[in-house]
Amino acid sequence: MSETIFHIEGDKFQAEVVRSDLPVVVDFYADWCGPCKMIAPVLEQLSKEYKGKAKFVKINTDDNQELAGQFGIMSIPTVMFFSNGKVEDIVIGAVPAAVFKQKLESLTKKS
């Protein structure tokens, strides 16, 4: 368990993501998903690098199917970047760390 990435359930989504004062990176994943496991260390590193500038949360799509459906999650990993309660950007699949970093830079400059 990470001290900079928080695992949340759908009932905490409003409080932890929508009403967050910080930009939020939401990783929709599943335990069985290989690409999800590939990006986990990248998100872990970025969560430490952006501590205090952005919040990182993980949502297990198997346990939160209603929430995943609400956001139209069709493939995992899907990483959504929220600012002021709204989706600002989306990355689907395993991508290089530089892509996540570029999205984070853009997100944290807006807030």
PDB file of N, CA and C in Angstrom:
ATOM      1  N   MET A   1       0.851  -1.191   0.000  1.00  0.00           N
ATOM      2  CA  MET A   1       0.000   0.000   0.000  1.00  0.00           C
ATOM      3  C   MET A   1       0.887   1.242   0.000  1.00  0.00           C
ATOM      4  N   SER A   2       0.528   2.175  -0.814  1.00  0.00           N
ATOM      5  CA  SER A   2       1.300   3.404  -0.962  1.00  0.00           C
ATOM      6  C   SER A   2       0.857   4.455   0.058  1.00  0.00           C
ATOM      7  N   GLU A   3       1.777   5.308   0.419  1.00  0.00           N
ATOM      8  CA  GLU A   3       1.378   6.421   1.287  1.00  0.00           C
ATOM      9  C   GLU A   3       1.055   7.670   0.475  1.00  0.00           C
ATOM     10  N   THR A   4       1.246   7.621  -0.840  1.00  0.00           N
ATOM     11  CA  THR A   4       0.942   8.785  -1.680  1.00  0.00           C
ATOM     12  C   THR A   4      -0.150   8.502  -2.716  1.00  0.00           C
ATOM     13  N   ILE A   5      -0.599   7.254  -2.809  1.00  0.00           N
ATOM     14  CA  ILE A   5      -1.723   6.904  -3.680  1.00  0.00           C
ATOM     15  C   ILE A   5      -2.784   6.265  -2.809  1.00  0.00           C
ATOM     16  N   PHE A   6      -4.010   6.764  -2.925  1.00  0.00           N
ATOM     17  CA  PHE A   6      -5.094   6.299  -2.072  1.00  0.00           C
ATOM     18  C   PHE A   6      -6.064   5.429  -2.864  1.00  0.00           C
ATOM     19  N   HIS A   7      -6.372   4.265  -2.340  1.00  0.00           N
ATOM     20  CA  HIS A   7      -7.380   3.385  -2.936  1.00  0.00           C
ATOM     21  C   HIS A   7      -8.729   3.822  -2.369  1.00  0.00           C
ATOM     22  N   ILE A   8      -9.661   4.169  -3.254  1.00  0.00           N
ATOM     23  CA  ILE A   8     -10.969   4.606  -2.788  1.00  0.00           C
ATOM     24  C   ILE A   8     -12.068   3.775  -3.446  1.00  0.00           C
ATOM     25  N   GLU A   9     -13.215   3.801  -2.823  1.00  0.00           N
ATOM     26  CA  GLU A   9     -14.420   3.171  -3.358  1.00  0.00           C
ATOM     27  C   GLU A   9     -15.305   4.281  -3.929  1.00  0.00           C
ATOM     28  N   GLY A  10     -16.291   3.877  -4.684  1.00  0.00           N
ATOM     29  CA  GLY A  10     -17.176   4.839  -5.347  1.00  0.00           C
ATOM     30  C   GLY A  10     -17.851   5.816  -4.415  1.00  0.00           C
ATOM     31  N   ASP A  11     -18.159   5.384  -3.178  1.00  0.00           N
ATOM     32  CA  ASP A  11     -18.844   6.271  -2.239  1.00  0.00           C
ATOM     33  C   ASP A  11     -17.965   7.425  -1.758  1.00  0.00           C
ATOM     34  N   LYS A  12     -16.659   7.327  -1.969  1.00  0.00           N
ATOM     35  CA  LYS A  12     -15.730   8.391  -1.562  1.00  0.00           C
ATOM     36  C   LYS A  12     -15.347   9.304  -2.735  1.00  0.00           C
ATOM     37  N   PHE A  13     -15.863   9.003  -3.926  1.00  0.00           N
ATOM     38  CA  PHE A  13     -15.442   9.709  -5.128  1.00  0.00           C
ATOM     39  C   PHE A  13     -15.733  11.218  -5.044  1.00  0.00           C
ATOM     40  N   GLN A  14     -16.932  11.572  -4.636  1.00  0.00           N
ATOM     41  CA  GLN A  14     -17.288  12.995  -4.550  1.00  0.00           C
ATOM     42  C   GLN A  14     -16.335  13.749  -3.618  1.00  0.00           C
ATOM     43  N   ALA A  15     -16.123  13.201  -2.436  1.00  0.00           N
ATOM     44  CA  ALA A  15     -15.281  13.878  -1.438  1.00  0.00           C
ATOM     45  C   ALA A  15     -13.818  13.925  -1.855  1.00  0.00           C
ATOM     46  N   GLU A  16     -13.310  12.815  -2.371  1.00  0.00           N
ATOM     47  CA  GLU A  16     -11.874  12.717  -2.651  1.00  0.00           C
ATOM     48  C   GLU A  16     -11.460  13.273  -4.015  1.00  0.00           C
ATOM     49  N   VAL A  17     -12.369  13.264  -4.972  1.00  0.00           N
ATOM     50  CA  VAL A  17     -12.008  13.688  -6.336  1.00  0.00           C
ATOM     51  C   VAL A  17     -12.729  14.972  -6.722  1.00  0.00           C
ATOM     52  N   VAL A  18     -14.043  14.940  -6.722  1.00  0.00           N
ATOM     53  CA  VAL A  18     -14.818  16.082  -7.214  1.00  0.00           C
ATOM     54  C   VAL A  18     -14.607  17.320  -6.344  1.00  0.00           C
ATOM     55  N   ARG A  19     -14.579  17.149  -5.034  1.00  0.00           N
ATOM     56  CA  ARG A  19     -14.437  18.310  -4.137  1.00  0.00           C
ATOM     57  C   ARG A  19     -13.004  18.575  -3.701  1.00  0.00           C
ATOM     58  N   SER A  20     -12.045  17.934  -4.331  1.00  0.00           N
ATOM     59  CA  SER A  20     -10.640  18.122  -3.955  1.00  0.00           C
ATOM     60  C   SER A  20     -10.153  19.524  -4.339  1.00  0.00           C
ATOM     61  N   ASP A  21      -9.379  20.119  -3.453  1.00  0.00           N
ATOM     62  CA  ASP A  21      -8.758  21.414  -3.745  1.00  0.00           C
ATOM     63  C   ASP A  21      -7.586  21.259  -4.713  1.00  0.00           C
ATOM     64  N   LEU A  22      -7.004  20.066  -4.746  1.00  0.00           N
ATOM     65  CA  LEU A  22      -5.878  19.786  -5.628  1.00  0.00           C
ATOM     66  C   LEU A  22      -6.366  19.081  -6.891  1.00  0.00           C
ATOM     67  N   PRO A  23      -5.617  19.185  -7.987  1.00  0.00           N
ATOM     68  CA  PRO A  23      -5.913  18.332  -9.139  1.00  0.00           C
ATOM     69  C   PRO A  23      -5.792  16.869  -8.710  1.00  0.00           C
ATOM     70  N   VAL A  24      -6.573  15.996  -9.348  1.00  0.00           N
ATOM     71  CA  VAL A  24      -6.587  14.589  -8.955  1.00  0.00           C
ATOM     72  C   VAL A  24      -6.335  13.701 -10.174  1.00  0.00           C
ATOM     73  N   VAL A  25      -5.431  12.750 -10.007  1.00  0.00           N
ATOM     74  CA  VAL A  25      -5.156  11.728 -11.007  1.00  0.00           C
ATOM     75  C   VAL A  25      -5.869  10.464 -10.542  1.00  0.00           C
ATOM     76  N   VAL A  26      -6.814   9.980 -11.354  1.00  0.00           N
ATOM     77  CA  VAL A  26      -7.605   8.804 -10.989  1.00  0.00           C
ATOM     78  C   VAL A  26      -7.228   7.655 -11.917  1.00  0.00           C
ATOM     79  N   ASP A  27      -6.710   6.599 -11.317  1.00  0.00           N
ATOM     80  CA  ASP A  27      -6.310   5.396 -12.051  1.00  0.00           C
ATOM     81  C   ASP A  27      -7.408   4.348 -11.899  1.00  0.00           C
ATOM     82  N   PHE A  28      -8.177   4.121 -12.975  1.00  0.00           N
ATOM     83  CA  PHE A  28      -9.160   3.037 -12.999  1.00  0.00           C
ATOM     84  C   PHE A  28      -8.406   1.784 -13.432  1.00  0.00           C
ATOM     85  N   TYR A  29      -8.399   0.768 -12.577  1.00  0.00           N
ATOM     86  CA  TYR A  29      -7.570  -0.410 -12.803  1.00  0.00           C
ATOM     87  C   TYR A  29      -8.304  -1.669 -12.340  1.00  0.00           C
ATOM     88  N   ALA A  30      -7.678  -2.819 -12.544  1.00  0.00           N
ATOM     89  CA  ALA A  30      -8.127  -4.089 -11.960  1.00  0.00           C
ATOM     90  C   ALA A  30      -6.881  -4.873 -11.567  1.00  0.00           C
ATOM     91  N   ASP A  31      -7.016  -5.688 -10.546  1.00  0.00           N
ATOM     92  CA  ASP A  31      -5.872  -6.456 -10.043  1.00  0.00           C
ATOM     93  C   ASP A  31      -5.293  -7.410 -11.088  1.00  0.00           C
ATOM     94  N   TRP A  32      -6.114  -7.929 -11.981  1.00  0.00           N
ATOM     95  CA  TRP A  32      -5.681  -8.909 -12.976  1.00  0.00           C
ATOM     96  C   TRP A  32      -5.090  -8.274 -14.236  1.00  0.00           C
ATOM     97  N   CYS A  33      -5.110  -6.969 -14.328  1.00  0.00           N
ATOM     98  CA  CYS A  33      -4.740  -6.239 -15.552  1.00  0.00           C
ATOM     99  C   CYS A  33      -3.218  -6.040 -15.651  1.00  0.00           C
ATOM    100  N   GLY A  34      -2.592  -6.676 -16.648  1.00  0.00           N
ATOM    101  CA  GLY A  34      -1.147  -6.549 -16.848  1.00  0.00           C
ATOM    102  C   GLY A  34      -0.682  -5.125 -17.111  1.00  0.00           C
ATOM    103  N   PRO A  35      -1.306  -4.402 -18.066  1.00  0.00           N
ATOM    104  CA  PRO A  35      -0.888  -3.019 -18.307  1.00  0.00           C
ATOM    105  C   PRO A  35      -1.076  -2.119 -17.075  1.00  0.00           C
ATOM    106  N   CYS A  36      -2.077  -2.428 -16.262  1.00  0.00           N
ATOM    107  CA  CYS A  36      -2.291  -1.658 -15.024  1.00  0.00           C
ATOM    108  C   CYS A  36      -1.085  -1.818 -14.100  1.00  0.00           C
ATOM    109  N   LYS A  37      -0.578  -3.041 -14.028  1.00  0.00           N
ATOM    110  CA  LYS A  37       0.600  -3.309 -13.196  1.00  0.00           C
ATOM    111  C   LYS A  37       1.842  -2.628 -13.766  1.00  0.00           C
ATOM    112  N   MET A  38       1.877  -2.477 -15.097  1.00  0.00           N
ATOM    113  CA  MET A  38       3.031  -1.824 -15.727  1.00  0.00           C
ATOM    114  C   MET A  38       3.103  -0.336 -15.380  1.00  0.00           C
ATOM    115  N   ILE A  39       1.952   0.338 -15.305  1.00  0.00           N
ATOM    116  CA  ILE A  39       1.984   1.780 -15.037  1.00  0.00           C
ATOM    117  C   ILE A  39       1.997   2.103 -13.543  1.00  0.00           C
ATOM    118  N   ALA A  40       1.709   1.116 -12.698  1.00  0.00           N
ATOM    119  CA  ALA A  40       1.648   1.369 -11.250  1.00  0.00           C
ATOM    120  C   ALA A  40       2.925   2.004 -10.694  1.00  0.00           C
ATOM    121  N   PRO A  41       4.134   1.496 -11.033  1.00  0.00           N
ATOM    122  CA  PRO A  41       5.341   2.133 -10.494  1.00  0.00           C
ATOM    123  C   PRO A  41       5.542   3.560 -11.014  1.00  0.00           C
ATOM    124  N   VAL A  42       5.098   3.821 -12.231  1.00  0.00           N
ATOM    125  CA  VAL A  42       5.208   5.169 -12.799  1.00  0.00           C
ATOM    126  C   VAL A  42       4.325   6.127 -12.010  1.00  0.00           C
ATOM    127  N   LEU A  43       3.086   5.723 -11.761  1.00  0.00           N
ATOM    128  CA  LEU A  43       2.174   6.575 -10.994  1.00  0.00           C
ATOM    129  C   LEU A  43       2.658   6.734  -9.564  1.00  0.00           C
ATOM    130  N   GLU A  44       3.234   5.690  -9.012  1.00  0.00           N
ATOM    131  CA  GLU A  44       3.793   5.761  -7.651  1.00  0.00           C
ATOM    132  C   GLU A  44       4.895   6.826  -7.589  1.00  0.00           C
ATOM    133  N   GLN A  45       5.794   6.799  -8.546  1.00  0.00           N
ATOM    134  CA  GLN A  45       6.889   7.770  -8.583  1.00  0.00           C
ATOM    135  C   GLN A  45       6.354   9.194  -8.760  1.00  0.00           C
ATOM    136  N   LEU A  46       5.407   9.356  -9.669  1.00  0.00           N
ATOM    137  CA  LEU A  46       4.834  10.683  -9.907  1.00  0.00           C
ATOM    138  C   LEU A  46       4.058  11.183  -8.689  1.00  0.00           C
ATOM    139  N   SER A  47       3.406  10.277  -7.969  1.00  0.00           N
ATOM    140  CA  SER A  47       2.660  10.696  -6.782  1.00  0.00           C
ATOM    141  C   SER A  47       3.602  11.263  -5.717  1.00  0.00           C
ATOM    142  N   LYS A  48       4.813  10.745  -5.659  1.00  0.00           N
ATOM    143  CA  LYS A  48       5.806  11.286  -4.719  1.00  0.00           C
ATOM    144  C   LYS A  48       6.342  12.621  -5.217  1.00  0.00           C
ATOM    145  N   GLU A  49       6.606  12.676  -6.518  1.00  0.00           N
ATOM    146  CA  GLU A  49       7.141  13.897  -7.117  1.00  0.00           C
ATOM    147  C   GLU A  49       6.158  15.067  -7.034  1.00  0.00           C
ATOM    148  N   TYR A  50       4.861  14.780  -7.142  1.00  0.00           N
ATOM    149  CA  TYR A  50       3.836  15.827  -7.145  1.00  0.00           C
ATOM    150  C   TYR A  50       3.085  15.919  -5.820  1.00  0.00           C
ATOM    151  N   LYS A  51       3.657  15.339  -4.776  1.00  0.00           N
ATOM    152  CA  LYS A  51       3.015  15.398  -3.460  1.00  0.00           C
ATOM    153  C   LYS A  51       2.788  16.860  -3.076  1.00  0.00           C
ATOM    154  N   GLY A  52       1.566  17.161  -2.670  1.00  0.00           N
ATOM    155  CA  GLY A  52       1.208  18.527  -2.315  1.00  0.00           C
ATOM    156  C   GLY A  52       0.736  19.353  -3.498  1.00  0.00           C
ATOM    157  N   LYS A  53       0.981  18.872  -4.720  1.00  0.00           N
ATOM    158  CA  LYS A  53       0.546  19.580  -5.930  1.00  0.00           C
ATOM    159  C   LYS A  53      -0.628  18.882  -6.609  1.00  0.00           C
ATOM    160  N   ALA A  54      -0.704  17.554  -6.424  1.00  0.00           N
ATOM    161  CA  ALA A  54      -1.779  16.756  -7.012  1.00  0.00           C
ATOM    162  C   ALA A  54      -2.041  15.561  -6.115  1.00  0.00           C
ATOM    163  N   LYS A  55      -3.272  15.079  -6.170  1.00  0.00           N
ATOM    164  CA  LYS A  55      -3.668  13.896  -5.405  1.00  0.00           C
ATOM    165  C   LYS A  55      -3.785  12.726  -6.382  1.00  0.00           C
ATOM    166  N   PHE A  56      -3.418  11.536  -5.938  1.00  0.00           N
ATOM    167  CA  PHE A  56      -3.483  10.329  -6.762  1.00  0.00           C
ATOM    168  C   PHE A  56      -4.396   9.322  -6.086  1.00  0.00           C
ATOM    169  N   VAL A  57      -5.390   8.818  -6.840  1.00  0.00           N
ATOM    170  CA  VAL A  57      -6.272   7.788  -6.305  1.00  0.00           C
ATOM    171  C   VAL A  57      -6.396   6.644  -7.302  1.00  0.00           C
ATOM    172  N   LYS A  58      -6.640   5.457  -6.769  1.00  0.00           N
ATOM    173  CA  LYS A  58      -6.857   4.257  -7.584  1.00  0.00           C
ATOM    174  C   LYS A  58      -8.264   3.756  -7.291  1.00  0.00           C
ATOM    175  N   ILE A  59      -8.950   3.359  -8.357  1.00  0.00           N
ATOM    176  CA  ILE A  59     -10.291   2.805  -8.221  1.00  0.00           C
ATOM    177  C   ILE A  59     -10.335   1.474  -8.960  1.00  0.00           C
ATOM    178  N   ASN A  60     -10.616   0.414  -8.214  1.00  0.00           N
ATOM    179  CA  ASN A  60     -10.699  -0.918  -8.788  1.00  0.00           C
ATOM    180  C   ASN A  60     -12.028  -1.043  -9.534  1.00  0.00           C
ATOM    181  N   THR A  61     -11.967  -1.229 -10.846  1.00  0.00           N
ATOM    182  CA  THR A  61     -13.180  -1.270 -11.655  1.00  0.00           C
ATOM    183  C   THR A  61     -14.028  -2.503 -11.358  1.00  0.00           C
ATOM    184  N   ASP A  62     -13.413  -3.591 -10.931  1.00  0.00           N
ATOM    185  CA  ASP A  62     -14.186  -4.790 -10.579  1.00  0.00           C
ATOM    186  C   ASP A  62     -15.073  -4.530  -9.361  1.00  0.00           C
ATOM    187  N   ASP A  63     -14.566  -3.754  -8.423  1.00  0.00           N
ATOM    188  CA  ASP A  63     -15.304  -3.460  -7.192  1.00  0.00           C
ATOM    189  C   ASP A  63     -16.195  -2.232  -7.320  1.00  0.00           C
ATOM    190  N   ASN A  64     -16.009  -1.442  -8.358  1.00  0.00           N
ATOM    191  CA  ASN A  64     -16.746  -0.179  -8.533  1.00  0.00           C
ATOM    192  C   ASN A  64     -17.281  -0.071  -9.957  1.00  0.00           C
ATOM    193  N   GLN A  65     -18.030  -1.080 -10.364  1.00  0.00           N
ATOM    194  CA  GLN A  65     -18.516  -1.136 -11.748  1.00  0.00           C
ATOM    195  C   GLN A  65     -19.460   0.011 -12.091  1.00  0.00           C
ATOM    196  N   GLU A  66     -20.258   0.438 -11.119  1.00  0.00           N
ATOM    197  CA  GLU A  66     -21.190   1.536 -11.378  1.00  0.00           C
ATOM    198  C   GLU A  66     -20.432   2.831 -11.695  1.00  0.00           C
ATOM    199  N   LEU A  67     -19.409   3.116 -10.923  1.00  0.00           N
ATOM    200  CA  LEU A  67     -18.607   4.320 -11.146  1.00  0.00           C
ATOM    201  C   LEU A  67     -17.857   4.229 -12.475  1.00  0.00           C
ATOM    202  N   ALA A  68     -17.295   3.059 -12.759  1.00  0.00           N
ATOM    203  CA  ALA A  68     -16.595   2.866 -14.037  1.00  0.00           C
ATOM    204  C   ALA A  68     -17.562   3.075 -15.197  1.00  0.00           C
ATOM    205  N   GLY A  69     -18.780   2.586 -15.062  1.00  0.00           N
ATOM    206  CA  GLY A  69     -19.792   2.782 -16.098  1.00  0.00           C
ATOM    207  C   GLY A  69     -20.174   4.244 -16.256  1.00  0.00           C
ATOM    208  N   GLN A  70     -20.260   4.942 -15.152  1.00  0.00           N
ATOM    209  CA  GLN A  70     -20.607   6.366 -15.168  1.00  0.00           C
ATOM    210  C   GLN A  70     -19.594   7.167 -15.994  1.00  0.00           C
ATOM    211  N   PHE A  71     -18.325   6.753 -15.948  1.00  0.00           N
ATOM    212  CA  PHE A  71     -17.287   7.458 -16.694  1.00  0.00           C
ATOM    213  C   PHE A  71     -16.964   6.785 -18.024  1.00  0.00           C
ATOM    214  N   GLY A  72     -17.740   5.781 -18.403  1.00  0.00           N
ATOM    215  CA  GLY A  72     -17.571   5.143 -19.703  1.00  0.00           C
ATOM    216  C   GLY A  72     -16.263   4.389 -19.846  1.00  0.00           C
ATOM    217  N   ILE A  73     -15.782   3.810 -18.742  1.00  0.00           N
ATOM    218  CA  ILE A  73     -14.520   3.072 -18.794  1.00  0.00           C
ATOM    219  C   ILE A  73     -14.742   1.781 -19.582  1.00  0.00           C
ATOM    220  N   MET A  74     -14.096   1.670 -20.733  1.00  0.00           N
ATOM    221  CA  MET A  74     -14.229   0.488 -21.587  1.00  0.00           C
ATOM    222  C   MET A  74     -12.929  -0.319 -21.619  1.00  0.00           C
ATOM    223  N   SER A  75     -11.819   0.323 -21.313  1.00  0.00           N
ATOM    224  CA  SER A  75     -10.502  -0.316 -21.297  1.00  0.00           C
ATOM    225  C   SER A  75      -9.769   0.136 -20.050  1.00  0.00           C
ATOM    226  N   ILE A  76      -8.954  -0.770 -19.528  1.00  0.00           N
ATOM    227  CA  ILE A  76      -8.118  -0.385 -18.404  1.00  0.00           C
ATOM    228  C   ILE A  76      -6.672  -0.734 -18.738  1.00  0.00           C
ATOM    229  N   PRO A  77      -5.730   0.016 -18.226  1.00  0.00           N
ATOM    230  CA  PRO A  77      -5.948   1.147 -17.341  1.00  0.00           C
ATOM    231  C   PRO A  77      -6.485   2.362 -18.095  1.00  0.00           C
ATOM    232  N   THR A  78      -7.353   3.085 -17.417  1.00  0.00           N
ATOM    233  CA  THR A  78      -7.774   4.412 -17.861  1.00  0.00           C
ATOM    234  C   THR A  78      -7.400   5.360 -16.736  1.00  0.00           C
ATOM    235  N   VAL A  79      -6.615   6.364 -17.062  1.00  0.00           N
ATOM    236  CA  VAL A  79      -6.199   7.354 -16.074  1.00  0.00           C
ATOM    237  C   VAL A  79      -6.849   8.679 -16.456  1.00  0.00           C
ATOM    238  N   MET A  80      -7.640   9.212 -15.521  1.00  0.00           N
ATOM    239  CA  MET A  80      -8.328  10.485 -15.743  1.00  0.00           C
ATOM    240  C   MET A  80      -7.697  11.556 -14.870  1.00  0.00           C
ATOM    241  N   PHE A  81      -7.577  12.730 -15.444  1.00  0.00           N
ATOM    242  CA  PHE A  81      -6.998  13.873 -14.759  1.00  0.00           C
ATOM    243  C   PHE A  81      -8.114  14.874 -14.473  1.00  0.00           C
ATOM    244  N   PHE A  82      -8.390  15.102 -13.195  1.00  0.00           N
ATOM    245  CA  PHE A  82      -9.473  15.985 -12.774  1.00  0.00           C
ATOM    246  C   PHE A  82      -8.916  17.289 -12.220  1.00  0.00           C
ATOM    247  N   SER A  83      -9.621  18.366 -12.497  1.00  0.00           N
ATOM    248  CA  SER A  83      -9.312  19.657 -11.892  1.00  0.00           C
ATOM    249  C   SER A  83     -10.645  20.350 -11.621  1.00  0.00           C
ATOM    250  N   ASN A  84     -10.812  20.848 -10.413  1.00  0.00           N
ATOM    251  CA  ASN A  84     -12.063  21.502 -10.016  1.00  0.00           C
ATOM    252  C   ASN A  84     -13.270  20.621 -10.293  1.00  0.00           C
ATOM    253  N   GLY A  85     -13.120  19.317 -10.060  1.00  0.00           N
ATOM    254  CA  GLY A  85     -14.227  18.382 -10.189  1.00  0.00           C
ATOM    255  C   GLY A  85     -14.566  17.949 -11.598  1.00  0.00           C
ATOM    256  N   LYS A  86     -13.807  18.410 -12.582  1.00  0.00           N
ATOM    257  CA  LYS A  86     -14.090  18.077 -13.977  1.00  0.00           C
ATOM    258  C   LYS A  86     -12.927  17.317 -14.604  1.00  0.00           C
ATOM    259  N   VAL A  87     -13.266  16.419 -15.533  1.00  0.00           N
ATOM    260  CA  VAL A  87     -12.243  15.678 -16.263  1.00  0.00           C
ATOM    261  C   VAL A  87     -11.559  16.637 -17.231  1.00  0.00           C
ATOM    262  N   GLU A  88     -10.250  16.772 -17.095  1.00  0.00           N
ATOM    263  CA  GLU A  88      -9.475  17.655 -17.964  1.00  0.00           C
ATOM    264  C   GLU A  88      -8.748  16.883 -19.066  1.00  0.00           C
ATOM    265  N   ASP A  89      -8.412  15.610 -18.775  1.00  0.00           N
ATOM    266  CA  ASP A  89      -7.660  14.815 -19.747  1.00  0.00           C
ATOM    267  C   ASP A  89      -7.812  13.344 -19.394  1.00  0.00           C
ATOM    268  N   ILE A  90      -7.555  12.488 -20.384  1.00  0.00           N
ATOM    269  CA  ILE A  90      -7.671  11.041 -20.192  1.00  0.00           C
ATOM    270  C   ILE A  90      -6.532  10.350 -20.932  1.00  0.00           C
ATOM    271  N   VAL A  91      -5.969   9.322 -20.289  1.00  0.00           N
ATOM    272  CA  VAL A  91      -4.984   8.455 -20.936  1.00  0.00           C
ATOM    273  C   VAL A  91      -5.506   7.028 -20.812  1.00  0.00           C
ATOM    274  N   ILE A  92      -5.577   6.331 -21.927  1.00  0.00           N
ATOM    275  CA  ILE A  92      -6.035   4.945 -21.919  1.00  0.00           C
ATOM    276  C   ILE A  92      -4.868   4.051 -22.316  1.00  0.00           C
ATOM    277  N   GLY A  93      -4.622   3.026 -21.499  1.00  0.00           N
ATOM    278  CA  GLY A  93      -3.556   2.074 -21.781  1.00  0.00           C
ATOM    279  C   GLY A  93      -2.255   2.445 -21.107  1.00  0.00           C
ATOM    280  N   ALA A  94      -1.285   1.566 -21.281  1.00  0.00           N
ATOM    281  CA  ALA A  94       0.044   1.784 -20.716  1.00  0.00           C
ATOM    282  C   ALA A  94       0.826   2.690 -21.663  1.00  0.00           C
ATOM    283  N   VAL A  95       1.201   3.846 -21.165  1.00  0.00           N
ATOM    284  CA  VAL A  95       1.957   4.817 -21.963  1.00  0.00           C
ATOM    285  C   VAL A  95       3.241   5.162 -21.216  1.00  0.00           C
ATOM    286  N   PRO A  96       4.216   5.756 -21.901  1.00  0.00           N
ATOM    287  CA  PRO A  96       5.462   6.127 -21.233  1.00  0.00           C
ATOM    288  C   PRO A  96       5.242   7.152 -20.106  1.00  0.00           C
ATOM    289  N   ALA A  97       6.129   7.130 -19.143  1.00  0.00           N
ATOM    290  CA  ALA A  97       6.055   8.052 -18.008  1.00  0.00           C
ATOM    291  C   ALA A  97       5.983   9.503 -18.460  1.00  0.00           C
ATOM    292  N   ALA A  98       6.667   9.836 -19.546  1.00  0.00           N
ATOM    293  CA  ALA A  98       6.691  11.216 -20.040  1.00  0.00           C
ATOM    294  C   ALA A  98       5.295  11.718 -20.388  1.00  0.00           C
ATOM    295  N   VAL A  99       4.422  10.837 -20.852  1.00  0.00           N
ATOM    296  CA  VAL A  99       3.052  11.236 -21.199  1.00  0.00           C
ATOM    297  C   VAL A  99       2.302  11.648 -19.940  1.00  0.00           C
ATOM    298  N   PHE A 100       2.405  10.837 -18.894  1.00  0.00           N
ATOM    299  CA  PHE A 100       1.745  11.175 -17.628  1.00  0.00           C
ATOM    300  C   PHE A 100       2.308  12.477 -17.064  1.00  0.00           C
ATOM    301  N   LYS A 101       3.623  12.623 -17.142  1.00  0.00           N
ATOM    302  CA  LYS A 101       4.265  13.823 -16.603  1.00  0.00           C
ATOM    303  C   LYS A 101       3.802  15.076 -17.347  1.00  0.00           C
ATOM    304  N   GLN A 102       3.702  14.985 -18.661  1.00  0.00           N
ATOM    305  CA  GLN A 102       3.239  16.124 -19.469  1.00  0.00           C
ATOM    306  C   GLN A 102       1.809  16.517 -19.069  1.00  0.00           C
ATOM    307  N   LYS A 103       0.946  15.535 -18.885  1.00  0.00           N
ATOM    308  CA  LYS A 103      -0.441  15.810 -18.488  1.00  0.00           C
ATOM    309  C   LYS A 103      -0.470  16.439 -17.098  1.00  0.00           C
ATOM    310  N   LEU A 104       0.355  15.932 -16.196  1.00  0.00           N
ATOM    311  CA  LEU A 104       0.413  16.482 -14.844  1.00  0.00           C
ATOM    312  C   LEU A 104       0.923  17.913 -14.832  1.00  0.00           C
ATOM    313  N   GLU A 105       1.931  18.184 -15.629  1.00  0.00           N
ATOM    314  CA  GLU A 105       2.467  19.549 -15.703  1.00  0.00           C
ATOM    315  C   GLU A 105       1.382  20.515 -16.157  1.00  0.00           C
ATOM    316  N   SER A 106       0.647  20.125 -17.175  1.00  0.00           N
ATOM    317  CA  SER A 106      -0.438  20.958 -17.681  1.00  0.00           C
ATOM    318  C   SER A 106      -1.520  21.139 -16.619  1.00  0.00           C
ATOM    319  N   LEU A 107      -1.852  20.081 -15.927  1.00  0.00           N
ATOM    320  CA  LEU A 107      -2.904  20.105 -14.916  1.00  0.00           C
ATOM    321  C   LEU A 107      -2.522  20.980 -13.720  1.00  0.00           C
ATOM    322  N   THR A 108      -1.298  20.831 -13.246  1.00  0.00           N
ATOM    323  CA  THR A 108      -0.892  21.571 -12.042  1.00  0.00           C
ATOM    324  C   THR A 108      -0.636  23.049 -12.342  1.00  0.00           C
ATOM    325  N   LYS A 109      -0.375  23.376 -13.581  1.00  0.00           N
ATOM    326  CA  LYS A 109      -0.210  24.799 -13.935  1.00  0.00           C
ATOM    327  C   LYS A 109      -1.555  25.526 -13.943  1.00  0.00           C
ATOM    328  N   LYS A 110      -2.636  24.797 -14.268  1.00  0.00           N
ATOM    329  CA  LYS A 110      -3.981  25.386 -14.320  1.00  0.00           C
ATOM    330  C   LYS A 110      -4.510  25.702 -12.943  1.00  0.00           C
ATOM    331  N   SER A 111      -4.139  24.891 -11.954  1.00  0.00           N
ATOM    332  CA  SER A 111      -4.757  25.054 -10.631  1.00  0.00           C
ATOM    333  C   SER A 111      -4.068  26.104  -9.797  1.00  0.00           C
TER     334      SER A 111
END
